[in-house]
Amino acid sequence: MDPSAITRFLDEVMETPQVHGAILIDFQSGLCLGAAGKAREDDAPQLAVASREACDQEGVGVVQVRGARVVLRRGAKVLVGVFKDA
C-alpha cells in the first residue's frame, strides 16, 4: 500500500468535524498501516481483536479506547478506526 495514499486518507478523515484520531489497520495481521491524531500505532492489535466481536454483518461497530469512542469499519483487507469524543 502506498504510504502517501495512506497519509492522504488519514488527513482527509482528520478534517471531519468531531474526529480526534484515525487509524488504518491490516485486518489479517493487526498491524498498523497508519495513525493520526489521538490514535496510536499500538492501538492497532487491540482494535483488530475488538472488531471481531464489535462489528456487525455490515462490518461496522463501536468500541471504547482510552476514553474515546472509536467507530470501526472493516473492509476486505483493512480496518479503519475513527476516534470521536465518548
PDB file of N, CA and C in Angstrom:
ATOM      1  N   MET A   1       0.850  -1.177   0.000  1.00  0.00           N
ATOM      2  CA  MET A   1       0.000   0.000   0.000  1.00  0.00           C
ATOM      3  C   MET A   1       0.897   1.242   0.000  1.00  0.00           C
ATOM      4  N   ASP A   2       0.530   2.208  -0.791  1.00  0.00           N
ATOM      5  CA  ASP A   2       1.307   3.435  -0.959  1.00  0.00           C
ATOM      6  C   ASP A   2       1.245   4.298   0.303  1.00  0.00           C
ATOM      7  N   PRO A   3       2.393   4.552   0.952  1.00  0.00           N
ATOM      8  CA  PRO A   3       2.402   5.356   2.180  1.00  0.00           C
ATOM      9  C   PRO A   3       1.808   6.749   2.002  1.00  0.00           C
ATOM     10  N   SER A   4       2.021   7.369   0.848  1.00  0.00           N
ATOM     11  CA  SER A   4       1.459   8.709   0.648  1.00  0.00           C
ATOM     12  C   SER A   4      -0.060   8.652   0.528  1.00  0.00           C
ATOM     13  N   ALA A   5      -0.594   7.571  -0.039  1.00  0.00           N
ATOM     14  CA  ALA A   5      -2.051   7.410  -0.123  1.00  0.00           C
ATOM     15  C   ALA A   5      -2.645   7.225   1.269  1.00  0.00           C
ATOM     16  N   ILE A   6      -1.954   6.487   2.124  1.00  0.00           N
ATOM     17  CA  ILE A   6      -2.418   6.298   3.499  1.00  0.00           C
ATOM     18  C   ILE A   6      -2.429   7.630   4.228  1.00  0.00           C
ATOM     19  N   THR A   7      -1.375   8.400   4.077  1.00  0.00           N
ATOM     20  CA  THR A   7      -1.298   9.713   4.726  1.00  0.00           C
ATOM     21  C   THR A   7      -2.416  10.624   4.242  1.00  0.00           C
ATOM     22  N   ARG A   8      -2.664  10.643   2.935  1.00  0.00           N
ATOM     23  CA  ARG A   8      -3.755  11.472   2.392  1.00  0.00           C
ATOM     24  C   ARG A   8      -5.102  11.033   2.954  1.00  0.00           C
ATOM     25  N   PHE A   9      -5.326   9.721   3.020  1.00  0.00           N
ATOM     26  CA  PHE A   9      -6.583   9.202   3.555  1.00  0.00           C
ATOM     27  C   PHE A   9      -6.772   9.636   5.006  1.00  0.00           C
ATOM     28  N   LEU A  10      -5.743   9.452   5.828  1.00  0.00           N
ATOM     29  CA  LEU A  10      -5.837   9.828   7.239  1.00  0.00           C
ATOM     30  C   LEU A  10      -6.042  11.330   7.393  1.00  0.00           C
ATOM     31  N   ASP A  11      -5.377  12.133   6.571  1.00  0.00           N
ATOM     32  CA  ASP A  11      -5.559  13.589   6.614  1.00  0.00           C
ATOM     33  C   ASP A  11      -6.998  13.974   6.290  1.00  0.00           C
ATOM     34  N   GLU A  12      -7.591  13.316   5.297  1.00  0.00           N
ATOM     35  CA  GLU A  12      -8.987  13.594   4.935  1.00  0.00           C
ATOM     36  C   GLU A  12      -9.924  13.248   6.086  1.00  0.00           C
ATOM     37  N   VAL A  13      -9.703  12.102   6.715  1.00  0.00           N
ATOM     38  CA  VAL A  13     -10.543  11.695   7.843  1.00  0.00           C
ATOM     39  C   VAL A  13     -10.413  12.699   8.982  1.00  0.00           C
ATOM     40  N   MET A  14      -9.201  13.162   9.250  1.00  0.00           N
ATOM     41  CA  MET A  14      -8.961  14.095  10.353  1.00  0.00           C
ATOM     42  C   MET A  14      -9.616  15.460  10.123  1.00  0.00           C
ATOM     43  N   GLU A  15      -9.933  15.803   8.887  1.00  0.00           N
ATOM     44  CA  GLU A  15     -10.602  17.068   8.587  1.00  0.00           C
ATOM     45  C   GLU A  15     -12.089  17.036   8.929  1.00  0.00           C
ATOM     46  N   THR A  16     -12.632  15.865   9.197  1.00  0.00           N
ATOM     47  CA  THR A  16     -14.046  15.721   9.530  1.00  0.00           C
ATOM     48  C   THR A  16     -14.304  16.291  10.922  1.00  0.00           C
ATOM     49  N   PRO A  17     -15.375  17.087  11.081  1.00  0.00           N
ATOM     50  CA  PRO A  17     -15.685  17.643  12.408  1.00  0.00           C
ATOM     51  C   PRO A  17     -15.863  16.542  13.460  1.00  0.00           C
ATOM     52  N   GLN A  18     -15.419  16.818  14.661  1.00  0.00           N
ATOM     53  CA  GLN A  18     -15.546  15.953  15.837  1.00  0.00           C
ATOM     54  C   GLN A  18     -14.708  14.678  15.760  1.00  0.00           C
ATOM     55  N   VAL A  19     -13.791  14.603  14.802  1.00  0.00           N
ATOM     56  CA  VAL A  19     -12.871  13.469  14.711  1.00  0.00           C
ATOM     57  C   VAL A  19     -11.554  13.886  15.344  1.00  0.00           C
ATOM     58  N   HIS A  20     -11.075  13.060  16.284  1.00  0.00           N
ATOM     59  CA  HIS A  20      -9.856  13.381  17.021  1.00  0.00           C
ATOM     60  C   HIS A  20      -8.712  12.418  16.723  1.00  0.00           C
ATOM     61  N   GLY A  21      -8.990  11.381  15.946  1.00  0.00           N
ATOM     62  CA  GLY A  21      -7.957  10.428  15.592  1.00  0.00           C
ATOM     63  C   GLY A  21      -8.456   9.470  14.531  1.00  0.00           C
ATOM     64  N   ALA A  22      -7.516   8.873  13.817  1.00  0.00           N
ATOM     65  CA  ALA A  22      -7.857   7.893  12.788  1.00  0.00           C
ATOM     66  C   ALA A  22      -6.723   6.884  12.686  1.00  0.00           C
ATOM     67  N   ILE A  23      -7.103   5.639  12.418  1.00  0.00           N
ATOM     68  CA  ILE A  23      -6.101   4.580  12.296  1.00  0.00           C
ATOM     69  C   ILE A  23      -6.524   3.632  11.182  1.00  0.00           C
ATOM     70  N   LEU A  24      -5.546   3.165  10.427  1.00  0.00           N
ATOM     71  CA  LEU A  24      -5.757   2.199   9.363  1.00  0.00           C
ATOM     72  C   LEU A  24      -4.959   0.953   9.730  1.00  0.00           C
ATOM     73  N   ILE A  25      -5.637  -0.184   9.751  1.00  0.00           N
ATOM     74  CA  ILE A  25      -5.047  -1.425  10.261  1.00  0.00           C
ATOM     75  C   ILE A  25      -5.174  -2.530   9.222  1.00  0.00           C
ATOM     76  N   ASP A  26      -4.113  -3.310   9.043  1.00  0.00           N
ATOM     77  CA  ASP A  26      -4.190  -4.530   8.242  1.00  0.00           C
ATOM     78  C   ASP A  26      -5.012  -5.523   9.057  1.00  0.00           C
ATOM     79  N   PHE A  27      -6.193  -5.884   8.555  1.00  0.00           N
ATOM     80  CA  PHE A  27      -7.118  -6.693   9.343  1.00  0.00           C
ATOM     81  C   PHE A  27      -6.566  -8.080   9.660  1.00  0.00           C
ATOM     82  N   GLN A  28      -5.860  -8.692   8.735  1.00  0.00           N
ATOM     83  CA  GLN A  28      -5.351 -10.050   8.954  1.00  0.00           C
ATOM     84  C   GLN A  28      -4.258 -10.108  10.017  1.00  0.00           C
ATOM     85  N   SER A  29      -3.310  -9.176   9.953  1.00  0.00           N
ATOM     86  CA  SER A  29      -2.164  -9.218  10.866  1.00  0.00           C
ATOM     87  C   SER A  29      -2.355  -8.379  12.124  1.00  0.00           C
ATOM     88  N   GLY A  30      -3.264  -7.398  12.070  1.00  0.00           N
ATOM     89  CA  GLY A  30      -3.444  -6.483  13.194  1.00  0.00           C
ATOM     90  C   GLY A  30      -2.388  -5.399  13.256  1.00  0.00           C
ATOM     91  N   LEU A  31      -1.573  -5.279  12.208  1.00  0.00           N
ATOM     92  CA  LEU A  31      -0.518  -4.267  12.188  1.00  0.00           C
ATOM     93  C   LEU A  31      -1.062  -2.918  11.736  1.00  0.00           C
ATOM     94  N   CYS A  32      -0.522  -1.870  12.320  1.00  0.00           N
ATOM     95  CA  CYS A  32      -0.915  -0.509  11.982  1.00  0.00           C
ATOM     96  C   CYS A  32      -0.284  -0.105  10.652  1.00  0.00           C
ATOM     97  N   LEU A  33      -1.120   0.376   9.736  1.00  0.00           N
ATOM     98  CA  LEU A  33      -0.629   0.896   8.460  1.00  0.00           C
ATOM     99  C   LEU A  33      -0.427   2.402   8.526  1.00  0.00           C
ATOM    100  N   GLY A  34      -1.131   3.041   9.475  1.00  0.00           N
ATOM    101  CA  GLY A  34      -1.001   4.483   9.655  1.00  0.00           C
ATOM    102  C   GLY A  34      -1.915   4.953  10.765  1.00  0.00           C
ATOM    103  N   ALA A  35      -1.503   5.998  11.474  1.00  0.00           N
ATOM    104  CA  ALA A  35      -2.304   6.549  12.571  1.00  0.00           C
ATOM    105  C   ALA A  35      -2.121   8.056  12.601  1.00  0.00           C
ATOM    106  N   ALA A  36      -3.179   8.754  13.022  1.00  0.00           N
ATOM    107  CA  ALA A  36      -3.125  10.213  13.102  1.00  0.00           C
ATOM    108  C   ALA A  36      -3.932  10.680  14.306  1.00  0.00           C
ATOM    109  N   GLY A  37      -3.588  11.858  14.812  1.00  0.00           N
ATOM    110  CA  GLY A  37      -4.322  12.444  15.931  1.00  0.00           C
ATOM    111  C   GLY A  37      -4.192  11.609  17.189  1.00  0.00           C
ATOM    112  N   LYS A  38      -5.323  11.387  17.859  1.00  0.00           N
ATOM    113  CA  LYS A  38      -5.353  10.658  19.127  1.00  0.00           C
ATOM    114  C   LYS A  38      -5.046   9.161  18.965  1.00  0.00           C
ATOM    115  N   ALA A  39      -5.184   8.644  17.763  1.00  0.00           N
ATOM    116  CA  ALA A  39      -4.904   7.224  17.511  1.00  0.00           C
ATOM    117  C   ALA A  39      -3.406   6.963  17.616  1.00  0.00           C
ATOM    118  N   ARG A  40      -3.064   5.811  18.185  1.00  0.00           N
ATOM    119  CA  ARG A  40      -1.655   5.425  18.316  1.00  0.00           C
ATOM    120  C   ARG A  40      -1.429   4.089  17.607  1.00  0.00           C
ATOM    121  N   GLU A  41      -0.226   3.906  17.117  1.00  0.00           N
ATOM    122  CA  GLU A  41       0.097   2.653  16.429  1.00  0.00           C
ATOM    123  C   GLU A  41      -0.191   1.437  17.294  1.00  0.00           C
ATOM    124  N   ASP A  42       0.068   1.548  18.599  1.00  0.00           N
ATOM    125  CA  ASP A  42      -0.135   0.388  19.474  1.00  0.00           C
ATOM    126  C   ASP A  42      -1.609   0.117  19.776  1.00  0.00           C
ATOM    127  N   ASP A  43      -2.528   0.934  19.257  1.00  0.00           N
ATOM    128  CA  ASP A  43      -3.966   0.645  19.359  1.00  0.00           C
ATOM    129  C   ASP A  43      -4.382  -0.427  18.354  1.00  0.00           C
ATOM    130  N   ALA A  44      -3.594  -0.630  17.308  1.00  0.00           N
ATOM    131  CA  ALA A  44      -3.977  -1.497  16.196  1.00  0.00           C
ATOM    132  C   ALA A  44      -4.337  -2.928  16.612  1.00  0.00           C
ATOM    133  N   PRO A  45      -3.489  -3.642  17.349  1.00  0.00           N
ATOM    134  CA  PRO A  45      -3.851  -5.023  17.693  1.00  0.00           C
ATOM    135  C   PRO A  45      -5.136  -5.111  18.522  1.00  0.00           C
ATOM    136  N   GLN A  46      -5.286  -4.199  19.483  1.00  0.00           N
ATOM    137  CA  GLN A  46      -6.482  -4.201  20.332  1.00  0.00           C
ATOM    138  C   GLN A  46      -7.740  -3.954  19.495  1.00  0.00           C
ATOM    139  N   LEU A  47      -7.678  -3.006  18.586  1.00  0.00           N
ATOM    140  CA  LEU A  47      -8.840  -2.700  17.752  1.00  0.00           C
ATOM    141  C   LEU A  47      -9.151  -3.836  16.783  1.00  0.00           C
ATOM    142  N   ALA A  48      -8.125  -4.473  16.242  1.00  0.00           N
ATOM    143  CA  ALA A  48      -8.345  -5.598  15.329  1.00  0.00           C
ATOM    144  C   ALA A  48      -9.068  -6.735  16.041  1.00  0.00           C
ATOM    145  N   VAL A  49      -8.642  -7.045  17.254  1.00  0.00           N
ATOM    146  CA  VAL A  49      -9.294  -8.107  18.029  1.00  0.00           C
ATOM    147  C   VAL A  49     -10.710  -7.688  18.420  1.00  0.00           C
ATOM    148  N   ALA A  50     -10.871  -6.462  18.914  1.00  0.00           N
ATOM    149  CA  ALA A  50     -12.188  -5.974  19.345  1.00  0.00           C
ATOM    150  C   ALA A  50     -13.177  -5.938  18.189  1.00  0.00           C
ATOM    151  N   SER A  51     -12.698  -5.661  16.991  1.00  0.00           N
ATOM    152  CA  SER A  51     -13.599  -5.553  15.840  1.00  0.00           C
ATOM    153  C   SER A  51     -14.270  -6.874  15.506  1.00  0.00           C
ATOM    154  N   ARG A  52     -13.645  -7.971  15.854  1.00  0.00           N
ATOM    155  CA  ARG A  52     -14.216  -9.282  15.531  1.00  0.00           C
ATOM    156  C   ARG A  52     -15.544  -9.514  16.234  1.00  0.00           C
ATOM    157  N   GLU A  53     -15.712  -8.910  17.408  1.00  0.00           N
ATOM    158  CA  GLU A  53     -16.979  -9.035  18.129  1.00  0.00           C
ATOM    159  C   GLU A  53     -17.835  -7.790  18.003  1.00  0.00           C
ATOM    160  N   ALA A  54     -17.197  -6.629  17.859  1.00  0.00           N
ATOM    161  CA  ALA A  54     -17.937  -5.363  17.854  1.00  0.00           C
ATOM    162  C   ALA A  54     -18.621  -5.076  16.523  1.00  0.00           C
ATOM    163  N   CYS A  55     -18.055  -5.557  15.430  1.00  0.00           N
ATOM    164  CA  CYS A  55     -18.607  -5.225  14.116  1.00  0.00           C
ATOM    165  C   CYS A  55     -19.773  -6.140  13.754  1.00  0.00           C
ATOM    166  N   ASP A  56     -20.798  -5.522  13.175  1.00  0.00           N
ATOM    167  CA  ASP A  56     -21.961  -6.284  12.735  1.00  0.00           C
ATOM    168  C   ASP A  56     -21.685  -6.920  11.371  1.00  0.00           C
ATOM    169  N   GLN A  57     -22.727  -7.485  10.762  1.00  0.00           N
ATOM    170  CA  GLN A  57     -22.553  -8.152   9.469  1.00  0.00           C
ATOM    171  C   GLN A  57     -22.140  -7.193   8.363  1.00  0.00           C
ATOM    172  N   GLU A  58     -22.431  -5.910   8.553  1.00  0.00           N
ATOM    173  CA  GLU A  58     -22.042  -4.889   7.576  1.00  0.00           C
ATOM    174  C   GLU A  58     -20.589  -4.452   7.776  1.00  0.00           C
ATOM    175  N   GLY A  59     -19.953  -4.923   8.854  1.00  0.00           N
ATOM    176  CA  GLY A  59     -18.570  -4.562   9.133  1.00  0.00           C
ATOM    177  C   GLY A  59     -18.408  -3.260   9.884  1.00  0.00           C
ATOM    178  N   VAL A  60     -19.459  -2.825  10.591  1.00  0.00           N
ATOM    179  CA  VAL A  60     -19.434  -1.562  11.329  1.00  0.00           C
ATOM    180  C   VAL A  60     -19.643  -1.845  12.812  1.00  0.00           C
ATOM    181  N   GLY A  61     -18.889  -1.149  13.664  1.00  0.00           N
ATOM    182  CA  GLY A  61     -19.039  -1.312  15.107  1.00  0.00           C
ATOM    183  C   GLY A  61     -18.447  -0.136  15.850  1.00  0.00           C
ATOM    184  N   VAL A  62     -18.659  -0.130  17.163  1.00  0.00           N
ATOM    185  CA  VAL A  62     -18.146   0.938  18.021  1.00  0.00           C
ATOM    186  C   VAL A  62     -17.543   0.303  19.264  1.00  0.00           C
ATOM    187  N   VAL A  63     -16.354   0.775  19.654  1.00  0.00           N
ATOM    188  CA  VAL A  63     -15.698   0.331  20.882  1.00  0.00           C
ATOM    189  C   VAL A  63     -15.173   1.560  21.622  1.00  0.00           C
ATOM    190  N   GLN A  64     -14.812   1.374  22.893  1.00  0.00           N
ATOM    191  CA  GLN A  64     -14.202   2.434  23.697  1.00  0.00           C
ATOM    192  C   GLN A  64     -12.713   2.140  23.843  1.00  0.00           C
ATOM    193  N   VAL A  65     -11.887   3.152  23.581  1.00  0.00           N
ATOM    194  CA  VAL A  65     -10.436   3.027  23.743  1.00  0.00           C
ATOM    195  C   VAL A  65      -9.917   4.307  24.374  1.00  0.00           C
ATOM    196  N   ARG A  66      -9.271   4.180  25.526  1.00  0.00           N
ATOM    197  CA  ARG A  66      -8.657   5.323  26.207  1.00  0.00           C
ATOM    198  C   ARG A  66      -9.585   6.532  26.297  1.00  0.00           C
ATOM    199  N   GLY A  67     -10.837   6.306  26.670  1.00  0.00           N
ATOM    200  CA  GLY A  67     -11.785   7.397  26.866  1.00  0.00           C
ATOM    201  C   GLY A  67     -12.387   7.954  25.594  1.00  0.00           C
ATOM    202  N   ALA A  68     -12.120   7.348  24.475  1.00  0.00           N
ATOM    203  CA  ALA A  68     -12.683   7.805  23.201  1.00  0.00           C
ATOM    204  C   ALA A  68     -13.587   6.724  22.625  1.00  0.00           C
ATOM    205  N   ARG A  69     -14.611   7.168  21.930  1.00  0.00           N
ATOM    206  CA  ARG A  69     -15.471   6.253  21.182  1.00  0.00           C
ATOM    207  C   ARG A  69     -14.804   6.063  19.825  1.00  0.00           C
ATOM    208  N   VAL A  70     -14.575   4.810  19.433  1.00  0.00           N
ATOM    209  CA  VAL A  70     -13.923   4.518  18.161  1.00  0.00           C
ATOM    210  C   VAL A  70     -14.925   3.794  17.265  1.00  0.00           C
ATOM    211  N   VAL A  71     -15.251   4.447  16.163  1.00  0.00           N
ATOM    212  CA  VAL A  71     -16.145   3.859  15.176  1.00  0.00           C
ATOM    213  C   VAL A  71     -15.282   3.037  14.230  1.00  0.00           C
ATOM    214  N   LEU A  72     -15.620   1.765  14.085  1.00  0.00           N
ATOM    215  CA  LEU A  72     -14.844   0.843  13.261  1.00  0.00           C
ATOM    216  C   LEU A  72     -15.587   0.520  11.976  1.00  0.00           C
ATOM    217  N   ARG A  73     -14.837   0.401  10.898  1.00  0.00           N
ATOM    218  CA  ARG A  73     -15.392  -0.041   9.619  1.00  0.00           C
ATOM    219  C   ARG A  73     -14.403  -1.019   9.025  1.00  0.00           C
ATOM    220  N   ARG A  74     -14.862  -2.258   8.863  1.00  0.00           N
ATOM    221  CA  ARG A  74     -14.000  -3.325   8.358  1.00  0.00           C
ATOM    222  C   ARG A  74     -14.250  -3.532   6.862  1.00  0.00           C
ATOM    223  N   GLY A  75     -13.176  -3.588   6.099  1.00  0.00           N
ATOM    224  CA  GLY A  75     -13.249  -3.916   4.679  1.00  0.00           C
ATOM    225  C   GLY A  75     -12.666  -5.298   4.462  1.00  0.00           C
ATOM    226  N   ALA A  76     -12.398  -5.641   3.224  1.00  0.00           N
ATOM    227  CA  ALA A  76     -11.871  -6.969   2.905  1.00  0.00           C
ATOM    228  C   ALA A  76     -10.496  -7.199   3.523  1.00  0.00           C
ATOM    229  N   LYS A  77      -9.645  -6.168   3.507  1.00  0.00           N
ATOM    230  CA  LYS A  77      -8.278  -6.345   3.990  1.00  0.00           C
ATOM    231  C   LYS A  77      -7.875  -5.360   5.069  1.00  0.00           C
ATOM    232  N   VAL A  78      -8.623  -4.277   5.221  1.00  0.00           N
ATOM    233  CA  VAL A  78      -8.243  -3.254   6.193  1.00  0.00           C
ATOM    234  C   VAL A  78      -9.392  -2.936   7.137  1.00  0.00           C
ATOM    235  N   LEU A  79      -9.000  -2.381   8.267  1.00  0.00           N
ATOM    236  CA  LEU A  79      -9.933  -1.910   9.282  1.00  0.00           C
ATOM    237  C   LEU A  79      -9.624  -0.441   9.513  1.00  0.00           C
ATOM    238  N   VAL A  80     -10.653   0.386   9.498  1.00  0.00           N
ATOM    239  CA  VAL A  80     -10.497   1.813   9.765  1.00  0.00           C
ATOM    240  C   VAL A  80     -11.124   2.102  11.115  1.00  0.00           C
ATOM    241  N   GLY A  81     -10.408   2.825  11.963  1.00  0.00           N
ATOM    242  CA  GLY A  81     -10.930   3.272  13.250  1.00  0.00           C
ATOM    243  C   GLY A  81     -10.932   4.788  13.289  1.00  0.00           C
ATOM    244  N   VAL A  82     -12.082   5.376  13.637  1.00  0.00           N
ATOM    245  CA  VAL A  82     -12.213   6.830  13.727  1.00  0.00           C
ATOM    246  C   VAL A  82     -12.507   7.178  15.178  1.00  0.00           C
ATOM    247  N   PHE A  83     -11.623   7.949  15.797  1.00  0.00           N
ATOM    248  CA  PHE A  83     -11.737   8.318  17.205  1.00  0.00           C
ATOM    249  C   PHE A  83     -12.594   9.569  17.340  1.00  0.00           C
ATOM    250  N   LYS A  84     -13.637   9.459  18.188  1.00  0.00           N
ATOM    251  CA  LYS A  84     -14.514  10.591  18.473  1.00  0.00           C
ATOM    252  C   LYS A  84     -14.626  10.724  19.982  1.00  0.00           C
ATOM    253  N   ASP A  85     -15.152  11.857  20.463  1.00  0.00           N
ATOM    254  CA  ASP A  85     -15.372  12.010  21.900  1.00  0.00           C
ATOM    255  C   ASP A  85     -16.351  10.959  22.385  1.00  0.00           C
ATOM    256  N   ALA A  86     -16.132  10.475  23.599  1.00  0.00           N
ATOM    257  CA  ALA A  86     -17.016   9.451  24.179  1.00  0.00           C
ATOM    258  C   ALA A  86     -18.369  10.025  24.510  1.00  0.00           C
TER     259      ALA A  86
END
